[in-house]
C-alpha atoms as a PDB file:
ATOM      1  CA  MET A   1     -46.822  10.835  10.021  1.00  0.00           C
ATOM      2  CA  PRO A   2     -47.334  11.373   6.250  1.00  0.00           C
ATOM      3  CA  ARG A   3     -46.087   8.586   4.102  1.00  0.00           C
ATOM      4  CA  ILE A   4     -43.674  10.849   2.097  1.00  0.00           C
ATOM      5  CA  LEU A   5     -42.105  11.979   5.413  1.00  0.00           C
ATOM      6  CA  ARG A   6     -41.542   8.387   6.493  1.00  0.00           C
ATOM      7  CA  LEU A   7     -39.903   7.591   3.266  1.00  0.00           C
ATOM      8  CA  ILE A   8     -37.509  10.612   3.504  1.00  0.00           C
ATOM      9  CA  LEU A   9     -36.576   9.555   7.082  1.00  0.00           C
ATOM     10  CA  SER A  10     -35.987   6.034   5.975  1.00  0.00           C
ATOM     11  CA  LEU A  11     -33.713   7.088   3.200  1.00  0.00           C
ATOM     12  CA  LEU A  12     -31.834   9.353   5.656  1.00  0.00           C
ATOM     13  CA  LEU A  13     -31.303   6.359   7.941  1.00  0.00           C
ATOM     14  CA  ILE A  14     -30.021   3.870   5.386  1.00  0.00           C
ATOM     15  CA  LEU A  15     -27.832   6.433   3.367  1.00  0.00           C
ATOM     16  CA  PRO A  16     -24.829   6.232   5.763  1.00  0.00           C
ATOM     17  CA  ALA A  17     -24.872   2.425   5.586  1.00  0.00           C
ATOM     18  CA  PHE A  18     -24.829   2.631   1.737  1.00  0.00           C
ATOM     19  CA  GLN A  19     -21.951   5.181   1.956  1.00  0.00           C
ATOM     20  CA  ARG A  20     -19.984   2.807   4.310  1.00  0.00           C
ATOM     21  CA  ALA A  21     -20.473  -0.102   1.989  1.00  0.00           C
ATOM     22  CA  ASP A  22     -19.282   2.015  -0.895  1.00  0.00           C
ATOM     23  CA  ALA A  23     -16.287   3.024   0.986  1.00  0.00           C
ATOM     24  CA  GLN A  24     -15.405  -0.547   1.887  1.00  0.00           C
ATOM     25  CA  SER A  25     -15.965  -1.833  -1.653  1.00  0.00           C
ATOM     26  CA  ARG A  26     -13.635   0.974  -3.318  1.00  0.00           C
ATOM     27  CA  ASP A  27     -10.561  -0.390  -5.054  1.00  0.00           C
ATOM     28  CA  LEU A  28      -7.666   1.644  -3.609  1.00  0.00           C
ATOM     29  CA  THR A  29      -5.428   0.833  -6.608  1.00  0.00           C
ATOM     30  CA  THR A  30      -8.062   2.414  -8.890  1.00  0.00           C
ATOM     31  CA  LEU A  31      -8.147   5.596  -6.676  1.00  0.00           C
ATOM     32  CA  LEU A  32      -4.357   5.744  -6.819  1.00  0.00           C
ATOM     33  CA  ALA A  33      -4.572   5.638 -10.517  1.00  0.00           C
ATOM     34  CA  GLN A  34      -7.178   8.480 -10.426  1.00  0.00           C
ATOM     35  CA  VAL A  35      -4.716  10.600  -8.357  1.00  0.00           C
ATOM     36  CA  LYS A  36      -1.986  10.139 -11.057  1.00  0.00           C
ATOM     37  CA  THR A  37      -4.294  11.176 -13.814  1.00  0.00           C
ATOM     38  CA  GLY A  38      -5.046  14.585 -12.072  1.00  0.00           C
ATOM     39  CA  THR A  39      -8.151  13.932  -9.939  1.00  0.00           C
ATOM     40  CA  ARG A  40      -6.393  14.194  -6.607  1.00  0.00           C
ATOM     41  CA  ASP A  41      -9.048  16.678  -5.104  1.00  0.00           C
ATOM     42  CA  GLU A  42     -11.797  14.182  -5.778  1.00  0.00           C
ATOM     43  CA  VAL A  43     -10.004  11.276  -4.243  1.00  0.00           C
ATOM     44  CA  ARG A  44      -9.037  13.485  -1.248  1.00  0.00           C
ATOM     45  CA  ALA A  45     -12.558  14.180  -0.646  1.00  0.00           C
ATOM     46  CA  LEU A  46     -13.220  10.414  -0.045  1.00  0.00           C
ATOM     47  CA  LEU A  47     -10.536   9.979   2.583  1.00  0.00           C
ATOM     48  CA  PRO A  48     -12.665  10.884   5.684  1.00  0.00           C
ATOM     49  CA  GLU A  49     -15.170   8.041   4.859  1.00  0.00           C
ATOM     50  CA  LEU A  50     -12.443   5.743   3.829  1.00  0.00           C
ATOM     51  CA  ARG A  51     -10.539   6.184   7.121  1.00  0.00           C
ATOM     52  CA  LYS A  52     -13.719   5.194   9.017  1.00  0.00           C
ATOM     53  CA  SER A  53     -14.922   2.314   6.894  1.00  0.00           C
ATOM     54  CA  HIS A  54     -12.340   0.735   4.531  1.00  0.00           C
ATOM     55  CA  PRO A  55     -10.955  -2.600   5.908  1.00  0.00           C
ATOM     56  CA  ASP A  56      -7.509  -1.948   4.249  1.00  0.00           C
ATOM     57  CA  LYS A  57      -6.260   0.580   6.857  1.00  0.00           C
ATOM     58  CA  PRO A  58      -2.496   0.724   5.532  1.00  0.00           C
ATOM     59  CA  GLY A  59      -3.872   1.162   1.985  1.00  0.00           C
ATOM     60  CA  VAL A  60      -5.958   4.082   3.088  1.00  0.00           C
ATOM     61  CA  LEU A  61      -2.859   5.568   4.767  1.00  0.00           C
ATOM     62  CA  PHE A  62      -0.843   5.025   1.553  1.00  0.00           C
ATOM     63  CA  LEU A  63      -3.631   6.765  -0.482  1.00  0.00           C
ATOM     64  CA  GLU A  64      -3.674   9.637   1.994  1.00  0.00           C
ATOM     65  CA  ALA A  65       0.242  10.009   1.670  1.00  0.00           C
ATOM     66  CA  VAL A  66      -0.051  10.169  -2.146  1.00  0.00           C
ATOM     67  CA  CYS A  67      -2.797  12.838  -1.890  1.00  0.00           C
ATOM     68  CA  GLU A  68      -0.768  14.903   0.615  1.00  0.00           C
ATOM     69  CA  GLU A  69       0.662  18.059  -0.790  1.00  0.00           C
ATOM     70  CA  GLU A  70       3.336  18.560   1.964  1.00  0.00           C
ATOM     71  CA  ALA A  71       6.184  16.191   1.312  1.00  0.00           C
ATOM     72  CA  GLU A  72       7.220  16.034   5.128  1.00  0.00           C
ATOM     73  CA  LYS A  73       3.581  14.992   5.989  1.00  0.00           C
ATOM     74  CA  ALA A  74       3.608  12.358   3.300  1.00  0.00           C
ATOM     75  CA  VAL A  75       6.934  11.072   4.506  1.00  0.00           C
ATOM     76  CA  ASP A  76       5.501  10.677   8.049  1.00  0.00           C
ATOM     77  CA  LEU A  77       2.521   8.619   6.638  1.00  0.00           C
ATOM     78  CA  TYR A  78       4.852   6.310   4.602  1.00  0.00           C
ATOM     79  CA  GLN A  79       6.953   5.764   7.674  1.00  0.00           C
ATOM     80  CA  ARG A  80       3.840   4.813   9.728  1.00  0.00           C
ATOM     81  CA  ILE A  81       2.985   2.170   7.117  1.00  0.00           C
ATOM     82  CA  VAL A  82       6.421   0.700   7.375  1.00  0.00           C
ATOM     83  CA  ASN A  83       6.449   0.880  11.206  1.00  0.00           C
ATOM     84  CA  GLU A  84       2.888  -0.023  11.991  1.00  0.00           C
ATOM     85  CA  HIS A  85       1.923  -2.378   9.067  1.00  0.00           C
ATOM     86  CA  PRO A  86       5.105  -3.971   7.948  1.00  0.00           C
ATOM     87  CA  LYS A  87       3.188  -7.051   6.601  1.00  0.00           C
ATOM     88  CA  SER A  88       0.758  -5.093   4.527  1.00  0.00           C
ATOM     89  CA  ALA A  89       0.755  -5.089   0.714  1.00  0.00           C
ATOM     90  CA  TRP A  90       1.731  -1.491   0.723  1.00  0.00           C
ATOM     91  CA  ALA A  91       4.750  -1.602   3.083  1.00  0.00           C
ATOM     92  CA  ASP A  92       7.395  -2.190   0.362  1.00  0.00           C
ATOM     93  CA  ASP A  93       5.988   0.529  -1.783  1.00  0.00           C
ATOM     94  CA  ALA A  94       6.040   2.938   1.046  1.00  0.00           C
ATOM     95  CA  LEU A  95       9.679   2.072   1.857  1.00  0.00           C
ATOM     96  CA  ASN A  96      10.618   2.551  -1.747  1.00  0.00           C
ATOM     97  CA  ARG A  97       9.025   6.058  -1.713  1.00  0.00           C
ATOM     98  CA  LEU A  98      10.991   6.912   1.426  1.00  0.00           C
ATOM     99  CA  ALA A  99      14.154   5.855  -0.224  1.00  0.00           C
ATOM    100  CA  GLN A 100      13.375   7.961  -3.376  1.00  0.00           C
ATOM    101  CA  TYR A 101      12.459  11.014  -1.308  1.00  0.00           C
ATOM    102  CA  SER A 102      15.617  10.731   0.716  1.00  0.00           C
ATOM    103  CA  TYR A 103      17.777  10.551  -2.297  1.00  0.00           C
ATOM    104  CA  ALA A 104      15.952  13.431  -3.942  1.00  0.00           C
ATOM    105  CA  VAL A 105      16.641  15.807  -1.011  1.00  0.00           C
ATOM    106  CA  GLY A 106      20.313  14.669  -0.806  1.00  0.00           C
ATOM    107  CA  ALA A 107      19.989  12.398   2.319  1.00  0.00           C
ATOM    108  CA  TYR A 108      22.074   9.699   0.698  1.00  0.00           C
ATOM    109  CA  LYS A 109      22.791   7.721   3.862  1.00  0.00           C
ATOM    110  CA  THR A 110      19.205   7.590   4.811  1.00  0.00           C
ATOM    111  CA  ALA A 111      18.242   6.549   1.301  1.00  0.00           C
ATOM    112  CA  ARG A 112      20.753   3.661   1.396  1.00  0.00           C
ATOM    113  CA  THR A 113      19.429   2.502   4.761  1.00  0.00           C
ATOM    114  CA  TYR A 114      15.900   2.435   3.292  1.00  0.00           C
ATOM    115  CA  VAL A 115      16.898   0.564   0.224  1.00  0.00           C
ATOM    116  CA  GLU A 116      18.954  -2.065   2.276  1.00  0.00           C
ATOM    117  CA  GLN A 117      15.787  -2.539   4.349  1.00  0.00           C
ATOM    118  CA  LEU A 118      13.735  -3.089   1.353  1.00  0.00           C
ATOM    119  CA  VAL A 119      16.074  -5.802  -0.015  1.00  0.00           C
ATOM    120  CA  ARG A 120      16.338  -7.298   3.450  1.00  0.00           C
ATOM    121  CA  ASP A 121      12.614  -7.444   4.427  1.00  0.00           C
ATOM    122  CA  TYR A 122      10.896  -7.548   1.073  1.00  0.00           C
ATOM    123  CA  PRO A 123      13.070  -9.680  -1.323  1.00  0.00           C
ATOM    124  CA  GLN A 124      10.157 -10.532  -3.573  1.00  0.00           C
ATOM    125  CA  SER A 125       9.038  -6.857  -4.029  1.00  0.00           C
ATOM    126  CA  PRO A 126       8.957  -5.526  -7.565  1.00  0.00           C
ATOM    127  CA  PHE A 127      10.900  -2.525  -6.252  1.00  0.00           C
ATOM    128  CA  VAL A 128      13.944  -4.747  -5.430  1.00  0.00           C
ATOM    129  CA  PRO A 129      16.313  -5.710  -8.438  1.00  0.00           C
ATOM    130  CA  GLU A 130      15.774  -8.972  -9.992  1.00  0.00           C
ATOM    131  CA  ASP A 131      18.973 -10.440  -8.678  1.00  0.00           C
ATOM    132  CA  ARG A 132      18.328  -8.877  -5.256  1.00  0.00           C
ATOM    133  CA  ARG A 133      21.531  -6.920  -5.296  1.00  0.00           C
ATOM    134  CA  LYS A 134      21.512  -4.052  -2.736  1.00  0.00           C
ATOM    135  CA  THR A 135      21.699  -0.686  -4.334  1.00  0.00           C
ATOM    136  CA  THR A 136      24.774   1.120  -3.053  1.00  0.00           C
ATOM    137  CA  VAL A 137      23.821   4.843  -2.857  1.00  0.00           C
ATOM    138  CA  ALA A 138      27.056   6.836  -2.816  1.00  0.00           C
ATOM    139  CA  GLU A 139      27.198   9.894  -0.627  1.00  0.00           C
ATOM    140  CA  ASN A 140      28.123  12.187  -3.547  1.00  0.00           C
ATOM    141  CA  GLY A 141      24.853  11.180  -5.390  1.00  0.00           C
ATOM    142  CA  SER A 142      26.575   8.938  -8.090  1.00  0.00           C
ATOM    143  CA  ASP A 143      25.826   5.184  -8.741  1.00  0.00           C
ATOM    144  CA  GLU A 144      26.985   3.383 -11.679  1.00  0.00           C
ATOM    145  CA  ARG A 145      24.082   0.900 -11.457  1.00  0.00           C
ATOM    146  CA  SER A 146      21.351   3.487 -10.915  1.00  0.00           C
ATOM    147  CA  TYR A 147      18.955   4.973 -13.448  1.00  0.00           C
ATOM    148  CA  ALA A 148      16.155   7.529 -13.808  1.00  0.00           C
ATOM    149  CA  VAL A 149      13.485   8.274 -16.205  1.00  0.00           C
ATOM    150  CA  GLN A 150      13.796  11.635 -18.125  1.00  0.00           C
ATOM    151  CA  VAL A 151      10.479  13.283 -19.055  1.00  0.00           C
ATOM    152  CA  GLY A 152      11.740  16.700 -20.132  1.00  0.00           C
ATOM    153  CA  ALA A 153      14.613  19.044 -20.673  1.00  0.00           C
ATOM    154  CA  PHE A 154      14.485  22.797 -20.592  1.00  0.00           C
ATOM    155  CA  SER A 155      16.864  25.767 -21.032  1.00  0.00           C
ATOM    156  CA  LYS A 156      14.840  27.796 -18.323  1.00  0.00           C
ATOM    157  CA  GLU A 157      14.977  26.303 -14.851  1.00  0.00           C
ATOM    158  CA  ALA A 158      11.518  27.874 -14.243  1.00  0.00           C
ATOM    159  CA  ASP A 159       9.997  25.744 -16.980  1.00  0.00           C
ATOM    160  CA  ALA A 160      11.548  22.565 -15.547  1.00  0.00           C
ATOM    161  CA  ARG A 161      10.175  23.598 -12.060  1.00  0.00           C
ATOM    162  CA  ARG A 162       6.775  23.886 -13.363  1.00  0.00           C
ATOM    163  CA  GLN A 163       6.841  20.337 -14.770  1.00  0.00           C
ATOM    164  CA  VAL A 164       8.250  19.017 -11.675  1.00  0.00           C
ATOM    165  CA  ASP A 165       5.399  20.675  -9.690  1.00  0.00           C
ATOM    166  CA  LYS A 166       2.760  19.157 -12.087  1.00  0.00           C
ATOM    167  CA  LEU A 167       4.366  15.684 -11.709  1.00  0.00           C
ATOM    168  CA  LYS A 168       4.468  15.891  -7.848  1.00  0.00           C
ATOM    169  CA  GLU A 169       0.862  16.833  -7.842  1.00  0.00           C
ATOM    170  CA  LYS A 170       0.142  13.570  -9.583  1.00  0.00           C
ATOM    171  CA  GLY A 171       2.136  11.593  -6.934  1.00  0.00           C
ATOM    172  CA  TYR A 172       5.447  11.176  -8.828  1.00  0.00           C
ATOM    173  CA  THR A 173       8.835  11.675  -7.293  1.00  0.00           C
ATOM    174  CA  ALA A 174      10.120  14.244  -9.712  1.00  0.00           C
ATOM    175  CA  TYR A 175      13.296  16.339  -9.538  1.00  0.00           C
ATOM    176  CA  ILE A 176      15.699  18.431 -11.599  1.00  0.00           C
ATOM    177  CA  ARG A 177      19.237  17.688 -12.809  1.00  0.00           C
ATOM    178  CA  GLU A 178      21.320  20.004 -14.548  1.00  0.00           C
ATOM    179  CA  LYS A 179      23.395  18.980 -17.592  1.00  0.00           C
ATOM    180  CA  ARG A 180      25.909  20.681 -19.831  1.00  0.00           C
ATOM    181  CA  VAL A 181      25.082  20.189 -23.513  1.00  0.00           C
ATOM    182  CA  ASP A 182      27.285  21.980 -26.229  1.00  0.00           C
ATOM    183  CA  GLY A 183      28.463  24.467 -23.421  1.00  0.00           C
ATOM    184  CA  LYS A 184      24.878  25.251 -22.323  1.00  0.00           C
ATOM    185  CA  THR A 185      23.027  24.339 -19.152  1.00  0.00           C
ATOM    186  CA  VAL A 186      19.950  22.178 -19.540  1.00  0.00           C
ATOM    187  CA  HIS A 187      17.515  21.586 -16.719  1.00  0.00           C
ATOM    188  CA  ALA A 188      16.358  17.910 -17.071  1.00  0.00           C
ATOM    189  CA  VAL A 189      13.331  16.625 -15.284  1.00  0.00           C
ATOM    190  CA  TRP A 190      13.805  13.140 -13.889  1.00  0.00           C
ATOM    191  CA  ILE A 191      11.507  10.788 -12.133  1.00  0.00           C
ATOM    192  CA  GLY A 192      12.465   7.979  -9.665  1.00  0.00           C
ATOM    193  CA  ILE A 193      15.595   5.963  -8.726  1.00  0.00           C
ATOM    194  CA  PHE A 194      16.141   2.568 -10.389  1.00  0.00           C
ATOM    195  CA  SER A 195      18.887   0.076  -9.817  1.00  0.00           C
ATOM    196  CA  GLU A 196      17.958  -1.919 -12.905  1.00  0.00           C
ATOM    197  CA  PHE A 197      17.534  -0.798 -16.422  1.00  0.00           C
ATOM    198  CA  LYS A 198      14.513  -3.067 -17.060  1.00  0.00           C
ATOM    199  CA  GLN A 199      12.602  -1.501 -14.153  1.00  0.00           C
ATOM    200  CA  ALA A 200      13.375   2.019 -15.385  1.00  0.00           C
ATOM    201  CA  GLN A 201      12.296   0.989 -18.944  1.00  0.00           C
ATOM    202  CA  ALA A 202       9.024  -0.521 -17.717  1.00  0.00           C
ATOM    203  CA  PHE A 203       8.214   2.597 -15.691  1.00  0.00           C
ATOM    204  CA  ALA A 204       9.051   4.761 -18.798  1.00  0.00           C
ATOM    205  CA  GLY A 205       6.518   2.622 -20.740  1.00  0.00           C
ATOM    206  CA  LYS A 206       3.773   3.198 -18.294  1.00  0.00           C
ATOM    207  CA  LEU A 207       4.301   6.965 -18.199  1.00  0.00           C
ATOM    208  CA  LYS A 208       3.934   7.065 -21.898  1.00  0.00           C
ATOM    209  CA  GLU A 209       0.793   4.962 -21.757  1.00  0.00           C
ATOM    210  CA  GLN A 210      -0.814   6.694 -18.739  1.00  0.00           C
ATOM    211  CA  GLN A 211       0.484  10.183 -19.036  1.00  0.00           C
ATOM    212  CA  GLY A 212       1.393  10.635 -22.638  1.00  0.00           C
ATOM    213  CA  LEU A 213       4.841  11.673 -21.735  1.00  0.00           C
ATOM    214  CA  GLU A 214       7.894  11.060 -23.931  1.00  0.00           C
ATOM    215  CA  ALA A 215      10.012   9.405 -21.380  1.00  0.00           C
ATOM    216  CA  LEU A 216      13.521   7.893 -21.680  1.00  0.00           C
ATOM    217  CA  VAL A 217      15.845   5.911 -19.436  1.00  0.00           C
ATOM    218  CA  VAL A 218      18.969   7.860 -18.362  1.00  0.00           C
ATOM    219  CA  ARG A 219      22.046   6.862 -16.261  1.00  0.00           C
ATOM    220  CA  ARG A 220      22.258   8.651 -12.971  1.00  0.00           C
END
């Protein structure tokens, strides 16, 4: 067999091993940051190999959920993490996202259940208020202790919807809230649900730093 052919065959044999090693060594936190900066398709392309080789299985599930475009499928993945990997480093974040999604779609009782589970099972989580209070989510959507981060306000709902869609593509839980300002309807774009002002303020700071968005904390 010609030497060059043997060399090519050898490279073909060892390439999968290198790919597996690379997949195992990838920092999932870094990949999540890439998703938020708009490279979701590139990260999504890595998922098949990550599912096979990465040792952090719940972390890969979390990354898959963040990359998922269909909200219902993402919810199923977050729920799998909570149910199947409750002791993983990703479980509290997954539970927090389930609560945020439920609140955003108006499932307030479900959101309250998720938040109470978060406080009960993960009292040291950064997603839990500092004093470990349970967030009481009212069925009518109001809560004197809850906050959101506003990243835009538009006179036209279509403009607000476009920003929401862009933010969701980056993995953020964005939604629209209507306000009356000087007799006119304004469509505000909000992100997240926070029971502590400090949490919302810290998140707003990250948005400004990472996304260049002018973000401010608002009462919900």
